[in-house]
């Protein structure tokens, strides 16, 4: 049996899913929903996202949206594809509210891939919050979409161990590599009622993994300096450095002879630790060690070089 799908998304992770489905003869992509090109850089050049490019290269119908899925989008879909019903809507890294009319469009179900161990870390930034919290285990979830964010019934969860050196890029790459290997089989088995979707608990044990801003990745220099000297909060800052990379990046502000400067911390690690003997207990402390940093307006360099450059100014 051949299943028909519409795919909504805009990122490299959406592209990976699209390529997986295109290569699977059990599926036929009917149309793609993706944001319209956005102006980038000083020249304000319009740049297509990877999913838009994929759709054009494979001659797939494209529904371009601006700020939301409004009545104009609904009318276009209903007009252009009135005679082409779809079995599934698959939403991957989309970032837009899915209205009720679109959730009801597929004959079988609207689906979503969410890279967390739901009901943990519902929201738009699950991988970042898994890393920030130091969770040793996670999962990637295939679920049925519902009106409430990430609360739909779970079709499948593929668990994995979180490597404690991963950045958000590596976390998401691992998650989507894992789900893409089984995606076709999981959707097929669900369509044939060989897999039953299991409702989620209403409450989540974690806060919402909100959309991050640059302000979220700011740490006061006094806190970072203390982590480097005494190890206090060093593990938390090291996790933040990985969770916020490559965006929005861990950053701080440092007073220099030239005034206050912005410092981006690209890479850091924890020392091996020193044994500290106290009156009542023995414990090991690990200091934060900065590796790659970047002063505002300058290139990425090592922390040792950055310090030397600063002292020479």
C-alpha atoms as a PDB file:
ATOM      1  CA  UNK A   1       0.000   0.000   0.000  1.00  0.00           C
ATOM      2  CA  UNK A   2       1.177   3.530  -0.793  1.00  0.00           C
ATOM      3  CA  UNK A   3       0.530   6.210   1.830  1.00  0.00           C
ATOM      4  CA  UNK A   4       0.129   9.840   0.828  1.00  0.00           C
ATOM      5  CA  UNK A   5       1.624  12.568   3.004  1.00  0.00           C
ATOM      6  CA  UNK A   6       1.977  16.297   3.377  1.00  0.00           C
ATOM      7  CA  UNK A   7       5.131  17.460   5.162  1.00  0.00           C
ATOM      8  CA  UNK A   8       5.462  20.696   7.150  1.00  0.00           C
ATOM      9  CA  UNK A   9       8.844  22.037   8.252  1.00  0.00           C
ATOM     10  CA  UNK A  10      11.836  24.157   7.309  1.00  0.00           C
ATOM     11  CA  UNK A  11      15.124  22.853   8.720  1.00  0.00           C
ATOM     12  CA  UNK A  12      17.872  20.354   7.900  1.00  0.00           C
ATOM     13  CA  UNK A  13      16.093  17.900  10.195  1.00  0.00           C
ATOM     14  CA  UNK A  14      12.890  18.270   8.183  1.00  0.00           C
ATOM     15  CA  UNK A  15      14.973  17.731   5.054  1.00  0.00           C
ATOM     16  CA  UNK A  16      16.378  14.488   6.456  1.00  0.00           C
ATOM     17  CA  UNK A  17      12.848  13.204   7.077  1.00  0.00           C
ATOM     18  CA  UNK A  18      11.728  14.316   3.598  1.00  0.00           C
ATOM     19  CA  UNK A  19      14.631  12.476   1.966  1.00  0.00           C
ATOM     20  CA  UNK A  20      13.831   9.366   4.002  1.00  0.00           C
ATOM     21  CA  UNK A  21      10.200   9.357   2.878  1.00  0.00           C
ATOM     22  CA  UNK A  22      11.037  10.147  -0.746  1.00  0.00           C
ATOM     23  CA  UNK A  23      13.341   7.117  -0.871  1.00  0.00           C
ATOM     24  CA  UNK A  24      10.681   4.817   0.625  1.00  0.00           C
ATOM     25  CA  UNK A  25       8.366   3.422  -2.078  1.00  0.00           C
ATOM     26  CA  UNK A  26       5.563   3.030   0.473  1.00  0.00           C
ATOM     27  CA  UNK A  27       5.109   6.806   0.625  1.00  0.00           C
ATOM     28  CA  UNK A  28       4.212   9.578  -1.776  1.00  0.00           C
ATOM     29  CA  UNK A  29       4.758  13.207  -0.819  1.00  0.00           C
ATOM     30  CA  UNK A  30       1.775  15.199  -2.087  1.00  0.00           C
ATOM     31  CA  UNK A  31       2.864  18.671  -1.020  1.00  0.00           C
ATOM     32  CA  UNK A  32       5.232  20.584   1.259  1.00  0.00           C
ATOM     33  CA  UNK A  33       4.281  23.367   3.687  1.00  0.00           C
ATOM     34  CA  UNK A  34       7.203  25.652   4.509  1.00  0.00           C
ATOM     35  CA  UNK A  35       7.931  29.338   5.286  1.00  0.00           C
ATOM     36  CA  UNK A  36       8.510  31.679   2.372  1.00  0.00           C
ATOM     37  CA  UNK A  37      12.083  32.867   1.648  1.00  0.00           C
ATOM     38  CA  UNK A  38      13.403  35.442   4.089  1.00  0.00           C
ATOM     39  CA  UNK A  39      15.807  38.343   3.417  1.00  0.00           C
ATOM     40  CA  UNK A  40      19.295  37.681   4.794  1.00  0.00           C
ATOM     41  CA  UNK A  41      22.384  39.866   5.195  1.00  0.00           C
ATOM     42  CA  UNK A  42      23.123  43.456   4.292  1.00  0.00           C
ATOM     43  CA  UNK A  43      21.865  42.948   0.762  1.00  0.00           C
ATOM     44  CA  UNK A  44      18.629  41.435   2.119  1.00  0.00           C
ATOM     45  CA  UNK A  45      18.949  38.541  -0.328  1.00  0.00           C
ATOM     46  CA  UNK A  46      15.973  36.179  -0.290  1.00  0.00           C
ATOM     47  CA  UNK A  47      17.157  32.743   0.812  1.00  0.00           C
ATOM     48  CA  UNK A  48      15.117  29.562   0.498  1.00  0.00           C
ATOM     49  CA  UNK A  49      15.221  27.139   3.425  1.00  0.00           C
ATOM     50  CA  UNK A  50      16.497  23.566   2.787  1.00  0.00           C
ATOM     51  CA  UNK A  51      12.985  22.108   2.579  1.00  0.00           C
ATOM     52  CA  UNK A  52      11.902  24.682   0.002  1.00  0.00           C
ATOM     53  CA  UNK A  53      14.956  23.812  -2.109  1.00  0.00           C
ATOM     54  CA  UNK A  54      14.235  20.091  -1.742  1.00  0.00           C
ATOM     55  CA  UNK A  55      10.649  20.535  -2.920  1.00  0.00           C
ATOM     56  CA  UNK A  56      11.737  22.485  -5.989  1.00  0.00           C
ATOM     57  CA  UNK A  57      14.470  20.007  -6.887  1.00  0.00           C
ATOM     58  CA  UNK A  58      11.994  17.131  -6.694  1.00  0.00           C
ATOM     59  CA  UNK A  59       9.152  19.051  -8.370  1.00  0.00           C
ATOM     60  CA  UNK A  60       6.869  18.780  -5.354  1.00  0.00           C
ATOM     61  CA  UNK A  61       3.994  21.244  -4.866  1.00  0.00           C
ATOM     62  CA  UNK A  62       4.855  23.920  -2.284  1.00  0.00           C
ATOM     63  CA  UNK A  63       2.587  25.861   0.054  1.00  0.00           C
ATOM     64  CA  UNK A  64       4.523  28.928   1.231  1.00  0.00           C
ATOM     65  CA  UNK A  65       3.408  30.637   4.407  1.00  0.00           C
ATOM     66  CA  UNK A  66       4.272  33.953   6.007  1.00  0.00           C
ATOM     67  CA  UNK A  67       3.495  34.510   9.675  1.00  0.00           C
ATOM     68  CA  UNK A  68       0.790  31.918  10.231  1.00  0.00           C
ATOM     69  CA  UNK A  69      -1.414  29.279   8.667  1.00  0.00           C
ATOM     70  CA  UNK A  70      -4.336  31.594   7.990  1.00  0.00           C
ATOM     71  CA  UNK A  71      -7.504  31.398   5.886  1.00  0.00           C
ATOM     72  CA  UNK A  72      -5.562  32.182   2.701  1.00  0.00           C
ATOM     73  CA  UNK A  73      -3.387  29.119   3.261  1.00  0.00           C
ATOM     74  CA  UNK A  74      -6.442  27.030   4.071  1.00  0.00           C
ATOM     75  CA  UNK A  75      -8.189  28.146   0.879  1.00  0.00           C
ATOM     76  CA  UNK A  76      -5.117  27.421  -1.239  1.00  0.00           C
ATOM     77  CA  UNK A  77      -4.717  23.907   0.180  1.00  0.00           C
ATOM     78  CA  UNK A  78      -8.420  23.152  -0.158  1.00  0.00           C
ATOM     79  CA  UNK A  79      -8.469  24.517  -3.723  1.00  0.00           C
ATOM     80  CA  UNK A  80      -5.215  23.075  -5.056  1.00  0.00           C
ATOM     81  CA  UNK A  81      -5.527  19.676  -3.410  1.00  0.00           C
ATOM     82  CA  UNK A  82      -9.284  19.178  -3.253  1.00  0.00           C
ATOM     83  CA  UNK A  83      -9.013  15.996  -5.298  1.00  0.00           C
ATOM     84  CA  UNK A  84      -5.865  14.733  -3.567  1.00  0.00           C
ATOM     85  CA  UNK A  85      -6.627  13.541  -0.061  1.00  0.00           C
ATOM     86  CA  UNK A  86      -3.704  12.691   2.197  1.00  0.00           C
ATOM     87  CA  UNK A  87      -3.317   9.874   4.682  1.00  0.00           C
ATOM     88  CA  UNK A  88      -0.877  11.688   6.963  1.00  0.00           C
ATOM     89  CA  UNK A  89       0.341  15.160   7.805  1.00  0.00           C
ATOM     90  CA  UNK A  90       3.873  14.975   9.224  1.00  0.00           C
ATOM     91  CA  UNK A  91       5.156  18.038  11.096  1.00  0.00           C
ATOM     92  CA  UNK A  92       8.906  18.274  11.758  1.00  0.00           C
ATOM     93  CA  UNK A  93      10.680  21.395  13.056  1.00  0.00           C
ATOM     94  CA  UNK A  94       7.958  23.711  11.813  1.00  0.00           C
ATOM     95  CA  UNK A  95       7.616  26.369  14.513  1.00  0.00           C
ATOM     96  CA  UNK A  96       4.078  27.429  13.629  1.00  0.00           C
ATOM     97  CA  UNK A  97       0.797  26.816  15.407  1.00  0.00           C
ATOM     98  CA  UNK A  98      -1.108  24.080  13.565  1.00  0.00           C
ATOM     99  CA  UNK A  99      -4.793  25.085  13.308  1.00  0.00           C
ATOM    100  CA  UNK A 100      -7.610  22.621  13.843  1.00  0.00           C
ATOM    101  CA  UNK A 101      -8.595  22.559  10.164  1.00  0.00           C
ATOM    102  CA  UNK A 102      -5.121  21.309   9.226  1.00  0.00           C
ATOM    103  CA  UNK A 103      -5.066  18.700  11.998  1.00  0.00           C
ATOM    104  CA  UNK A 104      -8.300  17.312  10.551  1.00  0.00           C
ATOM    105  CA  UNK A 105      -7.006  17.246   6.960  1.00  0.00           C
ATOM    106  CA  UNK A 106      -5.314  13.793   6.914  1.00  0.00           C
ATOM    107  CA  UNK A 107      -7.503  10.690   6.707  1.00  0.00           C
ATOM    108  CA  UNK A 108      -5.425   8.671   9.185  1.00  0.00           C
ATOM    109  CA  UNK A 109      -3.641  11.123  11.513  1.00  0.00           C
ATOM    110  CA  UNK A 110      -1.479  14.239  11.856  1.00  0.00           C
ATOM    111  CA  UNK A 111       1.949  13.145  13.115  1.00  0.00           C
ATOM    112  CA  UNK A 112       4.887  14.861  14.767  1.00  0.00           C
ATOM    113  CA  UNK A 113       8.465  13.863  15.549  1.00  0.00           C
ATOM    114  CA  UNK A 114       9.534  15.234  18.933  1.00  0.00           C
ATOM    115  CA  UNK A 115      13.123  14.600  20.125  1.00  0.00           C
ATOM    116  CA  UNK A 116      12.504  14.043  23.830  1.00  0.00           C
ATOM    117  CA  UNK A 117      11.239  11.380  26.202  1.00  0.00           C
ATOM    118  CA  UNK A 118       7.692  12.737  26.320  1.00  0.00           C
ATOM    119  CA  UNK A 119       6.000  13.859  28.478  1.00  0.00           C
ATOM    120  CA  UNK A 120       9.385  15.300  29.478  1.00  0.00           C
ATOM    121  CA  UNK A 121      10.442  18.527  27.787  1.00  0.00           C
ATOM    122  CA  UNK A 122       7.421  19.498  25.757  1.00  0.00           C
ATOM    123  CA  UNK A 123       8.136  22.600  23.691  1.00  0.00           C
ATOM    124  CA  UNK A 124      10.320  23.924  20.896  1.00  0.00           C
ATOM    125  CA  UNK A 125      13.795  23.341  22.420  1.00  0.00           C
ATOM    126  CA  UNK A 126      13.762  19.846  23.979  1.00  0.00           C
ATOM    127  CA  UNK A 127      17.350  18.917  23.127  1.00  0.00           C
ATOM    128  CA  UNK A 128      18.767  22.084  24.640  1.00  0.00           C
ATOM    129  CA  UNK A 129      16.933  21.491  27.907  1.00  0.00           C
ATOM    130  CA  UNK A 130      17.950  17.828  28.046  1.00  0.00           C
ATOM    131  CA  UNK A 131      21.586  18.951  27.828  1.00  0.00           C
ATOM    132  CA  UNK A 132      21.156  21.872  30.233  1.00  0.00           C
ATOM    133  CA  UNK A 133      19.655  19.539  32.828  1.00  0.00           C
ATOM    134  CA  UNK A 134      22.301  16.863  32.375  1.00  0.00           C
ATOM    135  CA  UNK A 135      19.698  14.150  31.698  1.00  0.00           C
ATOM    136  CA  UNK A 136      21.534  10.849  31.098  1.00  0.00           C
ATOM    137  CA  UNK A 137      18.668   9.326  29.087  1.00  0.00           C
ATOM    138  CA  UNK A 138      16.344  10.658  26.424  1.00  0.00           C
ATOM    139  CA  UNK A 139      14.341   9.487  23.409  1.00  0.00           C
ATOM    140  CA  UNK A 140      12.883  10.540  20.094  1.00  0.00           C
ATOM    141  CA  UNK A 141       9.096  10.257  19.910  1.00  0.00           C
ATOM    142  CA  UNK A 142       6.667   9.692  17.046  1.00  0.00           C
ATOM    143  CA  UNK A 143       3.293  10.988  18.155  1.00  0.00           C
ATOM    144  CA  UNK A 144      -0.177  11.969  17.005  1.00  0.00           C
ATOM    145  CA  UNK A 145      -0.655  15.729  17.066  1.00  0.00           C
ATOM    146  CA  UNK A 146      -3.353  17.229  19.262  1.00  0.00           C
ATOM    147  CA  UNK A 147      -4.605  20.751  19.926  1.00  0.00           C
ATOM    148  CA  UNK A 148      -2.351  21.048  22.983  1.00  0.00           C
ATOM    149  CA  UNK A 149       1.381  21.326  22.399  1.00  0.00           C
ATOM    150  CA  UNK A 150       3.194  17.973  22.407  1.00  0.00           C
ATOM    151  CA  UNK A 151       0.444  16.251  24.396  1.00  0.00           C
ATOM    152  CA  UNK A 152      -0.781  13.838  21.713  1.00  0.00           C
ATOM    153  CA  UNK A 153      -0.798  10.050  21.992  1.00  0.00           C
ATOM    154  CA  UNK A 154       2.561   8.324  21.535  1.00  0.00           C
ATOM    155  CA  UNK A 155       3.005   5.882  18.647  1.00  0.00           C
ATOM    156  CA  UNK A 156       6.625   5.007  19.415  1.00  0.00           C
ATOM    157  CA  UNK A 157       9.557   6.154  21.537  1.00  0.00           C
ATOM    158  CA  UNK A 158      13.116   5.231  20.648  1.00  0.00           C
ATOM    159  CA  UNK A 159      15.298   5.644  23.765  1.00  0.00           C
ATOM    160  CA  UNK A 160      18.995   6.486  23.790  1.00  0.00           C
ATOM    161  CA  UNK A 161      21.806   7.426  26.158  1.00  0.00           C
ATOM    162  CA  UNK A 162      22.847  11.080  26.059  1.00  0.00           C
ATOM    163  CA  UNK A 163      26.572  11.486  25.427  1.00  0.00           C
ATOM    164  CA  UNK A 164      27.935  13.999  27.929  1.00  0.00           C
ATOM    165  CA  UNK A 165      30.047  15.687  25.234  1.00  0.00           C
ATOM    166  CA  UNK A 166      27.187  16.403  22.830  1.00  0.00           C
ATOM    167  CA  UNK A 167      26.212  19.852  21.666  1.00  0.00           C
ATOM    168  CA  UNK A 168      22.613  20.448  20.596  1.00  0.00           C
ATOM    169  CA  UNK A 169      23.672  19.695  17.000  1.00  0.00           C
ATOM    170  CA  UNK A 170      24.887  16.222  17.917  1.00  0.00           C
ATOM    171  CA  UNK A 171      21.847  15.575  20.106  1.00  0.00           C
ATOM    172  CA  UNK A 172      19.426  16.341  17.294  1.00  0.00           C
ATOM    173  CA  UNK A 173      21.524  14.525  14.693  1.00  0.00           C
ATOM    174  CA  UNK A 174      21.465  11.375  16.801  1.00  0.00           C
ATOM    175  CA  UNK A 175      17.723  11.702  17.438  1.00  0.00           C
ATOM    176  CA  UNK A 176      16.787  12.069  13.785  1.00  0.00           C
ATOM    177  CA  UNK A 177      19.245   9.442  12.560  1.00  0.00           C
ATOM    178  CA  UNK A 178      17.549   7.061  14.974  1.00  0.00           C
ATOM    179  CA  UNK A 179      13.950   7.830  13.995  1.00  0.00           C
ATOM    180  CA  UNK A 180      14.630   7.987  10.251  1.00  0.00           C
ATOM    181  CA  UNK A 181      15.945   4.414  10.275  1.00  0.00           C
ATOM    182  CA  UNK A 182      12.551   3.192  11.488  1.00  0.00           C
ATOM    183  CA  UNK A 183      10.163   5.929  10.359  1.00  0.00           C
ATOM    184  CA  UNK A 184       8.667   4.140   7.365  1.00  0.00           C
ATOM    185  CA  UNK A 185       8.067   0.931   9.291  1.00  0.00           C
ATOM    186  CA  UNK A 186       6.537   2.760  12.264  1.00  0.00           C
ATOM    187  CA  UNK A 187       4.076   4.735  10.143  1.00  0.00           C
ATOM    188  CA  UNK A 188       3.181   1.628   8.144  1.00  0.00           C
ATOM    189  CA  UNK A 189       2.590  -0.458  11.274  1.00  0.00           C
ATOM    190  CA  UNK A 190       0.511   2.306  12.836  1.00  0.00           C
ATOM    191  CA  UNK A 191      -1.631   2.613   9.695  1.00  0.00           C
ATOM    192  CA  UNK A 192      -2.264  -1.143   9.791  1.00  0.00           C
ATOM    193  CA  UNK A 193      -3.194  -1.015  13.500  1.00  0.00           C
ATOM    194  CA  UNK A 194      -0.179  -3.141  14.401  1.00  0.00           C
ATOM    195  CA  UNK A 195       0.918  -0.350  16.751  1.00  0.00           C
ATOM    196  CA  UNK A 196      -1.541   1.330  19.107  1.00  0.00           C
ATOM    197  CA  UNK A 197      -0.976   4.938  20.137  1.00  0.00           C
ATOM    198  CA  UNK A 198      -0.731   5.350  23.911  1.00  0.00           C
ATOM    199  CA  UNK A 199      -2.111   8.525  25.559  1.00  0.00           C
ATOM    200  CA  UNK A 200       0.378  10.687  27.438  1.00  0.00           C
ATOM    201  CA  UNK A 201      -0.015  11.752  31.050  1.00  0.00           C
ATOM    202  CA  UNK A 202      -1.589  15.194  31.215  1.00  0.00           C
ATOM    203  CA  UNK A 203       1.161  16.616  33.417  1.00  0.00           C
ATOM    204  CA  UNK A 204       4.840  16.764  32.542  1.00  0.00           C
ATOM    205  CA  UNK A 205       7.581  16.318  35.177  1.00  0.00           C
ATOM    206  CA  UNK A 206       9.570  19.109  33.507  1.00  0.00           C
ATOM    207  CA  UNK A 207       8.868  22.736  32.563  1.00  0.00           C
ATOM    208  CA  UNK A 208       8.133  23.718  28.968  1.00  0.00           C
ATOM    209  CA  UNK A 209      11.269  23.697  26.814  1.00  0.00           C
ATOM    210  CA  UNK A 210      10.647  27.220  25.571  1.00  0.00           C
ATOM    211  CA  UNK A 211      12.006  28.855  22.451  1.00  0.00           C
ATOM    212  CA  UNK A 212      15.409  30.255  23.424  1.00  0.00           C
ATOM    213  CA  UNK A 213      16.693  33.793  22.991  1.00  0.00           C
ATOM    214  CA  UNK A 214      20.196  35.252  23.223  1.00  0.00           C
ATOM    215  CA  UNK A 215      19.408  36.557  26.682  1.00  0.00           C
ATOM    216  CA  UNK A 216      18.837  32.986  27.888  1.00  0.00           C
ATOM    217  CA  UNK A 217      22.457  32.100  27.119  1.00  0.00           C
ATOM    218  CA  UNK A 218      23.991  35.001  29.071  1.00  0.00           C
ATOM    219  CA  UNK A 219      25.990  34.184  32.225  1.00  0.00           C
ATOM    220  CA  UNK A 220      27.494  36.841  34.454  1.00  0.00           C
ATOM    221  CA  UNK A 221      31.302  36.921  34.231  1.00  0.00           C
ATOM    222  CA  UNK A 222      31.620  36.657  38.018  1.00  0.00           C
ATOM    223  CA  UNK A 223      29.820  33.295  37.892  1.00  0.00           C
ATOM    224  CA  UNK A 224      32.031  32.006  35.067  1.00  0.00           C
ATOM    225  CA  UNK A 225      35.185  33.252  36.788  1.00  0.00           C
ATOM    226  CA  UNK A 226      34.172  31.521  40.016  1.00  0.00           C
ATOM    227  CA  UNK A 227      33.610  28.279  38.094  1.00  0.00           C
ATOM    228  CA  UNK A 228      37.117  28.581  36.652  1.00  0.00           C
ATOM    229  CA  UNK A 229      38.722  29.247  40.022  1.00  0.00           C
ATOM    230  CA  UNK A 230      36.787  27.108  42.504  1.00  0.00           C
ATOM    231  CA  UNK A 231      34.633  24.845  40.362  1.00  0.00           C
ATOM    232  CA  UNK A 232      31.384  26.258  41.712  1.00  0.00           C
ATOM    233  CA  UNK A 233      28.633  25.720  39.094  1.00  0.00           C
ATOM    234  CA  UNK A 234      31.305  24.555  36.647  1.00  0.00           C
ATOM    235  CA  UNK A 235      29.286  21.537  35.525  1.00  0.00           C
ATOM    236  CA  UNK A 236      26.212  23.702  34.912  1.00  0.00           C
ATOM    237  CA  UNK A 237      28.138  26.192  32.782  1.00  0.00           C
ATOM    238  CA  UNK A 238      29.867  23.433  30.808  1.00  0.00           C
ATOM    239  CA  UNK A 239      26.468  21.914  30.012  1.00  0.00           C
ATOM    240  CA  UNK A 240      25.148  25.337  29.014  1.00  0.00           C
ATOM    241  CA  UNK A 241      28.055  25.835  26.639  1.00  0.00           C
ATOM    242  CA  UNK A 242      27.133  22.613  24.808  1.00  0.00           C
ATOM    243  CA  UNK A 243      23.376  23.147  24.991  1.00  0.00           C
ATOM    244  CA  UNK A 244      23.581  26.658  23.527  1.00  0.00           C
ATOM    245  CA  UNK A 245      25.951  25.710  20.702  1.00  0.00           C
ATOM    246  CA  UNK A 246      25.785  26.640  17.850  1.00  0.00           C
ATOM    247  CA  UNK A 247      22.948  29.010  18.807  1.00  0.00           C
ATOM    248  CA  UNK A 248      22.432  31.233  20.746  1.00  0.00           C
ATOM    249  CA  UNK A 249      25.929  30.515  22.168  1.00  0.00           C
ATOM    250  CA  UNK A 250      27.050  31.002  25.757  1.00  0.00           C
ATOM    251  CA  UNK A 251      28.197  34.582  26.284  1.00  0.00           C
ATOM    252  CA  UNK A 252      29.130  37.083  28.958  1.00  0.00           C
ATOM    253  CA  UNK A 253      30.370  40.640  29.421  1.00  0.00           C
ATOM    254  CA  UNK A 254      33.854  41.395  30.727  1.00  0.00           C
ATOM    255  CA  UNK A 255      35.311  44.694  31.910  1.00  0.00           C
ATOM    256  CA  UNK A 256      38.623  45.420  30.178  1.00  0.00           C
ATOM    257  CA  UNK A 257      41.018  48.336  29.804  1.00  0.00           C
ATOM    258  CA  UNK A 258      39.010  49.207  26.708  1.00  0.00           C
ATOM    259  CA  UNK A 259      35.712  49.119  28.561  1.00  0.00           C
ATOM    260  CA  UNK A 260      33.102  46.400  28.766  1.00  0.00           C
ATOM    261  CA  UNK A 261      33.360  43.767  26.031  1.00  0.00           C
ATOM    262  CA  UNK A 262      31.165  40.901  24.963  1.00  0.00           C
ATOM    263  CA  UNK A 263      32.818  37.469  25.122  1.00  0.00           C
ATOM    264  CA  UNK A 264      31.360  34.389  23.418  1.00  0.00           C
ATOM    265  CA  UNK A 265      32.433  31.016  24.799  1.00  0.00           C
ATOM    266  CA  UNK A 266      32.415  28.475  21.972  1.00  0.00           C
ATOM    267  CA  UNK A 267      34.073  25.551  23.714  1.00  0.00           C
ATOM    268  CA  UNK A 268      34.974  24.660  27.291  1.00  0.00           C
ATOM    269  CA  UNK A 269      35.512  21.567  29.409  1.00  0.00           C
ATOM    270  CA  UNK A 270      35.907  20.455  33.015  1.00  0.00           C
ATOM    271  CA  UNK A 271      39.254  19.699  34.605  1.00  0.00           C
ATOM    272  CA  UNK A 272      39.983  16.179  35.827  1.00  0.00           C
ATOM    273  CA  UNK A 273      39.331  17.374  39.347  1.00  0.00           C
ATOM    274  CA  UNK A 274      41.330  17.755  42.520  1.00  0.00           C
ATOM    275  CA  UNK A 275      40.686  15.897  45.745  1.00  0.00           C
ATOM    276  CA  UNK A 276      39.856  18.283  48.568  1.00  0.00           C
ATOM    277  CA  UNK A 277      40.035  16.997  52.138  1.00  0.00           C
ATOM    278  CA  UNK A 278      37.669  18.622  54.591  1.00  0.00           C
ATOM    279  CA  UNK A 279      37.074  17.997  58.272  1.00  0.00           C
ATOM    280  CA  UNK A 280      34.021  15.801  57.698  1.00  0.00           C
ATOM    281  CA  UNK A 281      34.339  14.568  54.122  1.00  0.00           C
ATOM    282  CA  UNK A 282      36.493  14.196  51.059  1.00  0.00           C
ATOM    283  CA  UNK A 283      35.206  15.486  47.734  1.00  0.00           C
ATOM    284  CA  UNK A 284      36.432  16.082  44.212  1.00  0.00           C
ATOM    285  CA  UNK A 285      36.031  19.445  42.540  1.00  0.00           C
ATOM    286  CA  UNK A 286      36.336  20.198  38.836  1.00  0.00           C
ATOM    287  CA  UNK A 287      37.128  23.632  37.501  1.00  0.00           C
ATOM    288  CA  UNK A 288      35.788  25.103  34.292  1.00  0.00           C
ATOM    289  CA  UNK A 289      38.436  25.454  31.583  1.00  0.00           C
ATOM    290  CA  UNK A 290      37.716  27.744  28.645  1.00  0.00           C
ATOM    291  CA  UNK A 291      38.961  26.493  25.285  1.00  0.00           C
ATOM    292  CA  UNK A 292      37.666  28.511  22.326  1.00  0.00           C
ATOM    293  CA  UNK A 293      36.361  32.037  22.836  1.00  0.00           C
ATOM    294  CA  UNK A 294      35.634  35.109  20.767  1.00  0.00           C
ATOM    295  CA  UNK A 295      35.857  38.755  21.708  1.00  0.00           C
ATOM    296  CA  UNK A 296      33.270  40.924  19.995  1.00  0.00           C
ATOM    297  CA  UNK A 297      34.468  41.990  16.555  1.00  0.00           C
ATOM    298  CA  UNK A 298      37.325  39.469  16.530  1.00  0.00           C
ATOM    299  CA  UNK A 299      37.957  35.924  15.344  1.00  0.00           C
ATOM    300  CA  UNK A 300      37.601  32.770  17.414  1.00  0.00           C
ATOM    301  CA  UNK A 301      40.765  31.999  19.351  1.00  0.00           C
ATOM    302  CA  UNK A 302      41.985  30.064  22.381  1.00  0.00           C
ATOM    303  CA  UNK A 303      41.290  31.465  25.823  1.00  0.00           C
ATOM    304  CA  UNK A 304      45.017  31.700  26.558  1.00  0.00           C
ATOM    305  CA  UNK A 305      45.575  33.773  23.423  1.00  0.00           C
ATOM    306  CA  UNK A 306      42.506  35.867  24.133  1.00  0.00           C
ATOM    307  CA  UNK A 307      43.821  36.651  27.611  1.00  0.00           C
ATOM    308  CA  UNK A 308      47.226  37.580  26.243  1.00  0.00           C
ATOM    309  CA  UNK A 309      45.710  39.819  23.595  1.00  0.00           C
ATOM    310  CA  UNK A 310      43.597  41.510  26.200  1.00  0.00           C
ATOM    311  CA  UNK A 311      46.525  42.184  28.499  1.00  0.00           C
ATOM    312  CA  UNK A 312      48.546  43.693  25.656  1.00  0.00           C
ATOM    313  CA  UNK A 313      45.848  46.213  24.714  1.00  0.00           C
END
